[in-house]
All heavy atoms as atom14 arrays in JSON, in Angstrom:
{
  "sequence": "MKKGIYILPNLITMGNMFFGFYAILAVFNGRYEQAAIGIL",
  "atom14_mask": [
    [1, 1, 1, 1, 1, 1, 1, 1, 0, 0, 0, 0, 0, 0],
    [1, 1, 1, 1, 1, 1, 1, 1, 1, 0, 0, 0, 0, 0],
    [1, 1, 1, 1, 1, 1, 1, 1, 1, 0, 0, 0, 0, 0],
    [1, 1, 1, 1, 0, 0, 0, 0, 0, 0, 0, 0, 0, 0],
    [1, 1, 1, 1, 1, 1, 1, 1, 0, 0, 0, 0, 0, 0],
    [1, 1, 1, 1, 1, 1, 1, 1, 1, 1, 1, 1, 0, 0],
    [1, 1, 1, 1, 1, 1, 1, 1, 0, 0, 0, 0, 0, 0],
    [1, 1, 1, 1, 1, 1, 1, 1, 0, 0, 0, 0, 0, 0],
    [1, 1, 1, 1, 1, 1, 1, 0, 0, 0, 0, 0, 0, 0],
    [1, 1, 1, 1, 1, 1, 1, 1, 0, 0, 0, 0, 0, 0],
    [1, 1, 1, 1, 1, 1, 1, 1, 0, 0, 0, 0, 0, 0],
    [1, 1, 1, 1, 1, 1, 1, 1, 0, 0, 0, 0, 0, 0],
    [1, 1, 1, 1, 1, 1, 1, 0, 0, 0, 0, 0, 0, 0],
    [1, 1, 1, 1, 1, 1, 1, 1, 0, 0, 0, 0, 0, 0],
    [1, 1, 1, 1, 0, 0, 0, 0, 0, 0, 0, 0, 0, 0],
    [1, 1, 1, 1, 1, 1, 1, 1, 0, 0, 0, 0, 0, 0],
    [1, 1, 1, 1, 1, 1, 1, 1, 0, 0, 0, 0, 0, 0],
    [1, 1, 1, 1, 1, 1, 1, 1, 1, 1, 1, 0, 0, 0],
    [1, 1, 1, 1, 1, 1, 1, 1, 1, 1, 1, 0, 0, 0],
    [1, 1, 1, 1, 0, 0, 0, 0, 0, 0, 0, 0, 0, 0],
    [1, 1, 1, 1, 1, 1, 1, 1, 1, 1, 1, 0, 0, 0],
    [1, 1, 1, 1, 1, 1, 1, 1, 1, 1, 1, 1, 0, 0],
    [1, 1, 1, 1, 1, 0, 0, 0, 0, 0, 0, 0, 0, 0],
    [1, 1, 1, 1, 1, 1, 1, 1, 0, 0, 0, 0, 0, 0],
    [1, 1, 1, 1, 1, 1, 1, 1, 0, 0, 0, 0, 0, 0],
    [1, 1, 1, 1, 1, 0, 0, 0, 0, 0, 0, 0, 0, 0],
    [1, 1, 1, 1, 1, 1, 1, 0, 0, 0, 0, 0, 0, 0],
    [1, 1, 1, 1, 1, 1, 1, 1, 1, 1, 1, 0, 0, 0],
    [1, 1, 1, 1, 1, 1, 1, 1, 0, 0, 0, 0, 0, 0],
    [1, 1, 1, 1, 0, 0, 0, 0, 0, 0, 0, 0, 0, 0],
    [1, 1, 1, 1, 1, 1, 1, 1, 1, 1, 1, 0, 0, 0],
    [1, 1, 1, 1, 1, 1, 1, 1, 1, 1, 1, 1, 0, 0],
    [1, 1, 1, 1, 1, 1, 1, 1, 1, 0, 0, 0, 0, 0],
    [1, 1, 1, 1, 1, 1, 1, 1, 1, 0, 0, 0, 0, 0],
    [1, 1, 1, 1, 1, 0, 0, 0, 0, 0, 0, 0, 0, 0],
    [1, 1, 1, 1, 1, 0, 0, 0, 0, 0, 0, 0, 0, 0],
    [1, 1, 1, 1, 1, 1, 1, 1, 0, 0, 0, 0, 0, 0],
    [1, 1, 1, 1, 0, 0, 0, 0, 0, 0, 0, 0, 0, 0],
    [1, 1, 1, 1, 1, 1, 1, 1, 0, 0, 0, 0, 0, 0],
    [1, 1, 1, 1, 1, 1, 1, 1, 0, 0, 0, 0, 0, 0]
  ],
  "atom14_positions": [
    [[94.38, 142.12, 120.94], [93.79, 141.03, 121.69], [93.5, 141.44, 123.13], [92.6, 140.92, 123.76], [94.7, 139.81, 121.67], [94.87, 139.19, 120.29], [93.31, 138.57, 119.63], [92.98, 137.25, 120.78], [0.0, 0.0, 0.0], [0.0, 0.0, 0.0], [0.0, 0.0, 0.0], [0.0, 0.0, 0.0], [0.0, 0.0, 0.0], [0.0, 0.0, 0.0]],
    [[94.3, 142.39, 123.67], [94.07, 142.85, 125.04], [92.72, 143.57, 125.16], [92.14, 143.62, 126.23], [95.21, 143.78, 125.47], [96.54, 143.06, 125.62], [97.62, 144.03, 126.1], [98.94, 143.31, 126.26], [100.01, 144.24, 126.72], [0.0, 0.0, 0.0], [0.0, 0.0, 0.0], [0.0, 0.0, 0.0], [0.0, 0.0, 0.0], [0.0, 0.0, 0.0]],
    [[92.24, 144.14, 124.03], [90.97, 144.84, 124.06], [89.79, 143.88, 123.94], [88.64, 144.3, 124.05], [90.92, 145.87, 122.92], [91.96, 146.97, 123.05], [91.84, 147.93, 121.88], [92.89, 149.04, 121.99], [92.8, 149.99, 120.85], [0.0, 0.0, 0.0], [0.0, 0.0, 0.0], [0.0, 0.0, 0.0], [0.0, 0.0, 0.0], [0.0, 0.0, 0.0]],
    [[90.07, 142.6, 123.7], [89.0, 141.63, 123.56], [88.6, 141.43, 122.11], [89.08, 142.11, 121.2], [0.0, 0.0, 0.0], [0.0, 0.0, 0.0], [0.0, 0.0, 0.0], [0.0, 0.0, 0.0], [0.0, 0.0, 0.0], [0.0, 0.0, 0.0], [0.0, 0.0, 0.0], [0.0, 0.0, 0.0], [0.0, 0.0, 0.0], [0.0, 0.0, 0.0]],
    [[87.69, 140.48, 121.87], [87.2, 140.18, 120.54], [85.69, 140.2, 120.55], [85.06, 140.12, 121.6], [87.71, 138.8, 120.05], [87.24, 137.7, 121.0], [89.22, 138.78, 119.92], [87.57, 136.31, 120.52], [0.0, 0.0, 0.0], [0.0, 0.0, 0.0], [0.0, 0.0, 0.0], [0.0, 0.0, 0.0], [0.0, 0.0, 0.0], [0.0, 0.0, 0.0]],
    [[85.11, 140.31, 119.37], [83.65, 140.28, 119.23], [83.18, 138.83, 119.28], [83.63, 137.99, 118.5], [83.23, 140.95, 117.93], [83.6, 142.42, 117.86], [84.65, 142.86, 117.05], [82.88, 143.36, 118.59], [84.98, 144.2, 116.97], [83.21, 144.71, 118.52], [84.26, 145.12, 117.71], [84.58, 146.45, 117.65], [0.0, 0.0, 0.0], [0.0, 0.0, 0.0]],
    [[82.26, 138.55, 120.19], [81.86, 137.17, 120.44], [80.93, 136.62, 119.37], [81.16, 135.55, 118.81], [81.2, 137.05, 121.83], [82.19, 137.45, 122.93], [80.7, 135.62, 122.05], [83.4, 136.55, 123.01], [0.0, 0.0, 0.0], [0.0, 0.0, 0.0], [0.0, 0.0, 0.0], [0.0, 0.0, 0.0], [0.0, 0.0, 0.0], [0.0, 0.0, 0.0]],
    [[79.85, 137.35, 119.03], [78.81, 136.8, 118.19], [79.3, 136.38, 116.8], [79.11, 135.22, 116.41], [77.64, 137.8, 118.07], [76.45, 137.32, 117.24], [75.88, 136.03, 117.81], [75.38, 138.41, 117.18], [0.0, 0.0, 0.0], [0.0, 0.0, 0.0], [0.0, 0.0, 0.0], [0.0, 0.0, 0.0], [0.0, 0.0, 0.0], [0.0, 0.0, 0.0]],
    [[79.93, 137.28, 116.04], [80.36, 136.82, 114.69], [81.4, 135.72, 114.75], [81.42, 134.82, 113.89], [80.92, 138.1, 114.05], [81.24, 138.99, 115.18], [80.27, 138.69, 116.26], [0.0, 0.0, 0.0], [0.0, 0.0, 0.0], [0.0, 0.0, 0.0], [0.0, 0.0, 0.0], [0.0, 0.0, 0.0], [0.0, 0.0, 0.0], [0.0, 0.0, 0.0]],
    [[82.28, 135.74, 115.75], [83.3, 134.69, 115.83], [82.72, 133.36, 116.28], [83.24, 132.3, 115.91], [84.41, 135.13, 116.79], [85.28, 136.22, 116.2], [85.91, 136.03, 115.17], [85.32, 137.37, 116.84], [0.0, 0.0, 0.0], [0.0, 0.0, 0.0], [0.0, 0.0, 0.0], [0.0, 0.0, 0.0], [0.0, 0.0, 0.0], [0.0, 0.0, 0.0]],
    [[81.63, 133.38, 117.05], [80.94, 132.13, 117.38], [80.32, 131.5, 116.14], [80.35, 130.28, 115.96], [79.86, 132.38, 118.43], [80.31, 132.45, 119.89], [79.12, 132.78, 120.79], [80.96, 131.14, 120.33], [0.0, 0.0, 0.0], [0.0, 0.0, 0.0], [0.0, 0.0, 0.0], [0.0, 0.0, 0.0], [0.0, 0.0, 0.0], [0.0, 0.0, 0.0]],
    [[79.77, 132.35, 115.27], [79.19, 131.83, 114.02], [80.3, 131.29, 113.12], [80.13, 130.25, 112.46], [78.39, 132.94, 113.32], [77.24, 133.39, 114.21], [77.85, 132.44, 111.98], [76.45, 134.55, 113.66], [0.0, 0.0, 0.0], [0.0, 0.0, 0.0], [0.0, 0.0, 0.0], [0.0, 0.0, 0.0], [0.0, 0.0, 0.0], [0.0, 0.0, 0.0]],
    [[81.44, 131.97, 113.09], [82.59, 131.46, 112.33], [83.05, 130.12, 112.89], [83.41, 129.21, 112.13], [83.75, 132.48, 112.38], [83.3, 133.73, 111.85], [84.93, 131.99, 111.56], [0.0, 0.0, 0.0], [0.0, 0.0, 0.0], [0.0, 0.0, 0.0], [0.0, 0.0, 0.0], [0.0, 0.0, 0.0], [0.0, 0.0, 0.0], [0.0, 0.0, 0.0]],
    [[83.02, 129.98, 114.22], [83.37, 128.7, 114.83], [82.38, 127.61, 114.41], [82.76, 126.46, 114.19], [83.4, 128.83, 116.35], [83.99, 127.63, 117.07], [83.97, 127.83, 118.87], [85.01, 129.3, 119.02], [0.0, 0.0, 0.0], [0.0, 0.0, 0.0], [0.0, 0.0, 0.0], [0.0, 0.0, 0.0], [0.0, 0.0, 0.0], [0.0, 0.0, 0.0]],
    [[81.1, 127.99, 114.29], [80.11, 127.04, 113.8], [80.41, 126.6, 112.38], [80.21, 125.44, 112.01], [0.0, 0.0, 0.0], [0.0, 0.0, 0.0], [0.0, 0.0, 0.0], [0.0, 0.0, 0.0], [0.0, 0.0, 0.0], [0.0, 0.0, 0.0], [0.0, 0.0, 0.0], [0.0, 0.0, 0.0], [0.0, 0.0, 0.0], [0.0, 0.0, 0.0]],
    [[80.89, 127.53, 111.56], [81.33, 127.2, 110.2], [82.41, 126.12, 110.25], [82.31, 125.09, 109.55], [81.85, 128.49, 109.54], [82.56, 128.25, 108.22], [82.59, 127.15, 107.68], [83.16, 129.29, 107.68], [0.0, 0.0, 0.0], [0.0, 0.0, 0.0], [0.0, 0.0, 0.0], [0.0, 0.0, 0.0], [0.0, 0.0, 0.0], [0.0, 0.0, 0.0]],
    [[83.43, 126.3, 111.07], [84.5, 125.32, 111.17], [84.01, 124.01, 111.75], [84.45, 122.91, 111.34], [85.65, 125.87, 112.02], [86.84, 124.92, 112.12], [88.2, 125.55, 113.12], [88.85, 126.82, 112.03], [0.0, 0.0, 0.0], [0.0, 0.0, 0.0], [0.0, 0.0, 0.0], [0.0, 0.0, 0.0], [0.0, 0.0, 0.0], [0.0, 0.0, 0.0]],
    [[83.06, 124.08, 112.7], [82.53, 122.85, 113.3], [81.88, 121.96, 112.26], [82.14, 120.75, 112.21], [81.51, 123.21, 114.39], [80.74, 122.03, 114.91], [81.29, 121.2, 115.87], [79.48, 121.74, 114.43], [80.59, 120.1, 116.35], [78.77, 120.64, 114.88], [79.32, 119.82, 115.86], [0.0, 0.0, 0.0], [0.0, 0.0, 0.0], [0.0, 0.0, 0.0]],
    [[81.03, 122.54, 111.41], [80.35, 121.73, 110.41], [81.32, 121.26, 109.32], [81.12, 120.19, 108.73], [79.18, 122.51, 109.81], [77.99, 122.55, 110.71], [77.68, 123.7, 111.42], [77.18, 121.44, 110.86], [76.58, 123.74, 112.26], [76.07, 121.47, 111.7], [75.77, 122.62, 112.41], [0.0, 0.0, 0.0], [0.0, 0.0, 0.0], [0.0, 0.0, 0.0]],
    [[82.36, 122.06, 109.03], [83.39, 121.58, 108.12], [84.15, 120.39, 108.69], [84.42, 119.41, 107.98], [0.0, 0.0, 0.0], [0.0, 0.0, 0.0], [0.0, 0.0, 0.0], [0.0, 0.0, 0.0], [0.0, 0.0, 0.0], [0.0, 0.0, 0.0], [0.0, 0.0, 0.0], [0.0, 0.0, 0.0], [0.0, 0.0, 0.0], [0.0, 0.0, 0.0]],
    [[84.45, 120.46, 109.99], [85.13, 119.33, 110.65], [84.22, 118.11, 110.7], [84.67, 116.98, 110.48], [85.53, 119.75, 112.07], [86.3, 118.71, 112.82], [87.61, 118.42, 112.5], [85.7, 118.0, 113.85], [88.32, 117.45, 113.19], [86.4, 117.03, 114.55], [87.71, 116.75, 114.22], [0.0, 0.0, 0.0], [0.0, 0.0, 0.0], [0.0, 0.0, 0.0]],
    [[82.94, 118.35, 110.95], [81.97, 117.25, 110.92], [81.93, 116.58, 109.55], [81.84, 115.36, 109.44], [80.58, 117.77, 111.3], [79.47, 116.78, 111.02], [79.19, 115.76, 111.91], [78.71, 116.88, 109.85], [78.18, 114.85, 111.66], [77.7, 115.97, 109.59], [77.43, 114.96, 110.49], [76.44, 114.05, 110.22], [0.0, 0.0, 0.0], [0.0, 0.0, 0.0]],
    [[82.0, 117.4, 108.5], [81.98, 116.85, 107.14], [83.19, 115.96, 106.9], [83.08, 114.9, 106.26], [81.93, 117.99, 106.12], [0.0, 0.0, 0.0], [0.0, 0.0, 0.0], [0.0, 0.0, 0.0], [0.0, 0.0, 0.0], [0.0, 0.0, 0.0], [0.0, 0.0, 0.0], [0.0, 0.0, 0.0], [0.0, 0.0, 0.0], [0.0, 0.0, 0.0]],
    [[84.35, 116.36, 107.39], [85.55, 115.55, 107.23], [85.4, 114.21, 107.94], [85.74, 113.15, 107.39], [86.79, 116.31, 107.74], [87.07, 117.53, 106.86], [88.01, 115.41, 107.8], [88.17, 118.43, 107.36], [0.0, 0.0, 0.0], [0.0, 0.0, 0.0], [0.0, 0.0, 0.0], [0.0, 0.0, 0.0], [0.0, 0.0, 0.0], [0.0, 0.0, 0.0]],
    [[84.87, 114.24, 109.17], [84.65, 112.98, 109.9], [83.65, 112.09, 109.16], [83.81, 110.87, 109.11], [84.14, 113.28, 111.31], [85.12, 113.98, 112.26], [84.46, 114.19, 113.62], [86.41, 113.19, 112.41], [0.0, 0.0, 0.0], [0.0, 0.0, 0.0], [0.0, 0.0, 0.0], [0.0, 0.0, 0.0], [0.0, 0.0, 0.0], [0.0, 0.0, 0.0]],
    [[82.61, 112.7, 108.59], [81.61, 111.93, 107.84], [82.23, 111.28, 106.61], [81.88, 110.15, 106.25], [80.45, 112.83, 107.45], [0.0, 0.0, 0.0], [0.0, 0.0, 0.0], [0.0, 0.0, 0.0], [0.0, 0.0, 0.0], [0.0, 0.0, 0.0], [0.0, 0.0, 0.0], [0.0, 0.0, 0.0], [0.0, 0.0, 0.0], [0.0, 0.0, 0.0]],
    [[83.16, 111.97, 105.95], [83.86, 111.38, 104.8], [84.66, 110.16, 105.24], [84.63, 109.1, 104.58], [84.78, 112.41, 104.13], [85.68, 111.74, 103.1], [83.97, 113.51, 103.47], [0.0, 0.0, 0.0], [0.0, 0.0, 0.0], [0.0, 0.0, 0.0], [0.0, 0.0, 0.0], [0.0, 0.0, 0.0], [0.0, 0.0, 0.0], [0.0, 0.0, 0.0]],
    [[85.36, 110.28, 106.37], [86.15, 109.15, 106.87], [85.26, 107.93, 107.16], [85.7, 106.78, 107.02], [86.91, 109.54, 108.13], [88.06, 110.47, 107.88], [88.56, 111.28, 108.89], [88.64, 110.54, 106.63], [89.62, 112.14, 108.66], [89.71, 111.4, 106.38], [90.19, 112.19, 107.4], [0.0, 0.0, 0.0], [0.0, 0.0, 0.0], [0.0, 0.0, 0.0]],
    [[84.03, 108.17, 107.57], [83.1, 107.09, 107.9], [82.26, 106.64, 106.71], [81.35, 105.82, 106.87], [82.18, 107.51, 109.04], [82.93, 107.7, 110.35], [83.81, 106.91, 110.68], [82.59, 108.74, 111.1], [0.0, 0.0, 0.0], [0.0, 0.0, 0.0], [0.0, 0.0, 0.0], [0.0, 0.0, 0.0], [0.0, 0.0, 0.0], [0.0, 0.0, 0.0]],
    [[82.53, 107.21, 105.51], [81.81, 106.82, 104.32], [80.41, 107.36, 104.21], [79.62, 106.9, 103.38], [0.0, 0.0, 0.0], [0.0, 0.0, 0.0], [0.0, 0.0, 0.0], [0.0, 0.0, 0.0], [0.0, 0.0, 0.0], [0.0, 0.0, 0.0], [0.0, 0.0, 0.0], [0.0, 0.0, 0.0], [0.0, 0.0, 0.0], [0.0, 0.0, 0.0]],
    [[80.06, 108.35, 105.01], [78.71, 108.94, 104.98], [78.78, 110.22, 104.15], [78.84, 111.33, 104.66], [78.21, 109.22, 106.4], [78.09, 107.96, 107.26], [77.58, 108.25, 108.64], [78.44, 109.19, 109.35], [78.28, 109.52, 110.63], [77.29, 109.0, 111.31], [79.09, 110.37, 111.19], [0.0, 0.0, 0.0], [0.0, 0.0, 0.0], [0.0, 0.0, 0.0]],
    [[78.77, 110.05, 102.85], [79.03, 111.15, 101.94], [77.89, 112.17, 101.91], [78.14, 113.37, 101.79], [79.3, 110.6, 100.55], [80.46, 109.63, 100.51], [80.33, 108.39, 99.91], [81.68, 109.97, 101.08], [81.4, 107.49, 99.89], [82.75, 109.09, 101.07], [82.6, 107.85, 100.47], [83.66, 106.98, 100.45], [0.0, 0.0, 0.0], [0.0, 0.0, 0.0]],
    [[76.67, 111.72, 102.01], [75.56, 112.66, 102.0], [75.59, 113.55, 103.24], [75.37, 114.76, 103.16], [74.22, 111.93, 101.91], [73.04, 112.87, 101.75], [71.73, 112.14, 101.59], [71.67, 110.93, 101.91], [70.75, 112.76, 101.13], [0.0, 0.0, 0.0], [0.0, 0.0, 0.0], [0.0, 0.0, 0.0], [0.0, 0.0, 0.0], [0.0, 0.0, 0.0]],
    [[75.87, 112.96, 104.42], [75.99, 113.77, 105.63], [77.14, 114.75, 105.54], [77.05, 115.89, 106.02], [76.17, 112.86, 106.86], [74.92, 112.13, 107.3], [74.67, 110.87, 106.5], [75.36, 110.6, 105.5], [73.71, 110.07, 106.92], [0.0, 0.0, 0.0], [0.0, 0.0, 0.0], [0.0, 0.0, 0.0], [0.0, 0.0, 0.0], [0.0, 0.0, 0.0]],
    [[78.23, 114.33, 104.9], [79.36, 115.24, 104.7], [78.96, 116.41, 103.82], [79.31, 117.57, 104.09], [80.54, 114.49, 104.08], [0.0, 0.0, 0.0], [0.0, 0.0, 0.0], [0.0, 0.0, 0.0], [0.0, 0.0, 0.0], [0.0, 0.0, 0.0], [0.0, 0.0, 0.0], [0.0, 0.0, 0.0], [0.0, 0.0, 0.0], [0.0, 0.0, 0.0]],
    [[78.21, 116.13, 102.76], [77.77, 117.2, 101.86], [76.84, 118.17, 102.58], [76.94, 119.39, 102.42], [77.05, 116.58, 100.66], [0.0, 0.0, 0.0], [0.0, 0.0, 0.0], [0.0, 0.0, 0.0], [0.0, 0.0, 0.0], [0.0, 0.0, 0.0], [0.0, 0.0, 0.0], [0.0, 0.0, 0.0], [0.0, 0.0, 0.0], [0.0, 0.0, 0.0]],
    [[75.94, 117.64, 103.4], [75.03, 118.5, 104.17], [75.82, 119.37, 105.14], [75.53, 120.56, 105.33], [73.99, 117.65, 104.91], [73.05, 116.98, 103.91], [73.19, 118.5, 105.9], [72.09, 115.98, 104.52], [0.0, 0.0, 0.0], [0.0, 0.0, 0.0], [0.0, 0.0, 0.0], [0.0, 0.0, 0.0], [0.0, 0.0, 0.0], [0.0, 0.0, 0.0]],
    [[76.85, 118.8, 105.77], [77.69, 119.58, 106.68], [78.37, 120.74, 105.96], [78.46, 121.85, 106.5], [0.0, 0.0, 0.0], [0.0, 0.0, 0.0], [0.0, 0.0, 0.0], [0.0, 0.0, 0.0], [0.0, 0.0, 0.0], [0.0, 0.0, 0.0], [0.0, 0.0, 0.0], [0.0, 0.0, 0.0], [0.0, 0.0, 0.0], [0.0, 0.0, 0.0]],
    [[78.84, 120.51, 104.74], [79.48, 121.58, 103.95], [78.47, 122.68, 103.63], [78.78, 123.87, 103.72], [80.1, 121.0, 102.68], [81.29, 120.1, 103.03], [80.56, 122.11, 101.73], [81.86, 119.33, 101.86], [0.0, 0.0, 0.0], [0.0, 0.0, 0.0], [0.0, 0.0, 0.0], [0.0, 0.0, 0.0], [0.0, 0.0, 0.0], [0.0, 0.0, 0.0]],
    [[77.25, 122.3, 103.28], [76.23, 123.29, 102.95], [75.84, 124.12, 104.18], [75.65, 125.34, 104.09], [74.99, 122.6, 102.37], [75.18, 121.95, 101.0], [73.9, 121.25, 100.57], [75.59, 122.99, 99.95], [0.0, 0.0, 0.0], [0.0, 0.0, 0.0], [0.0, 0.0, 0.0], [0.0, 0.0, 0.0], [0.0, 0.0, 0.0], [0.0, 0.0, 0.0]]
  ]
}
């Protein structure tokens, strides 16, 4: 970790988690189609 991390691929991985988290919030709000789109 002292040498640093690669920014670009990890930012895309963070985007993966963001849309997964968005899908979970959409499920809680009953918006199932938006949740499915977030997973895709």
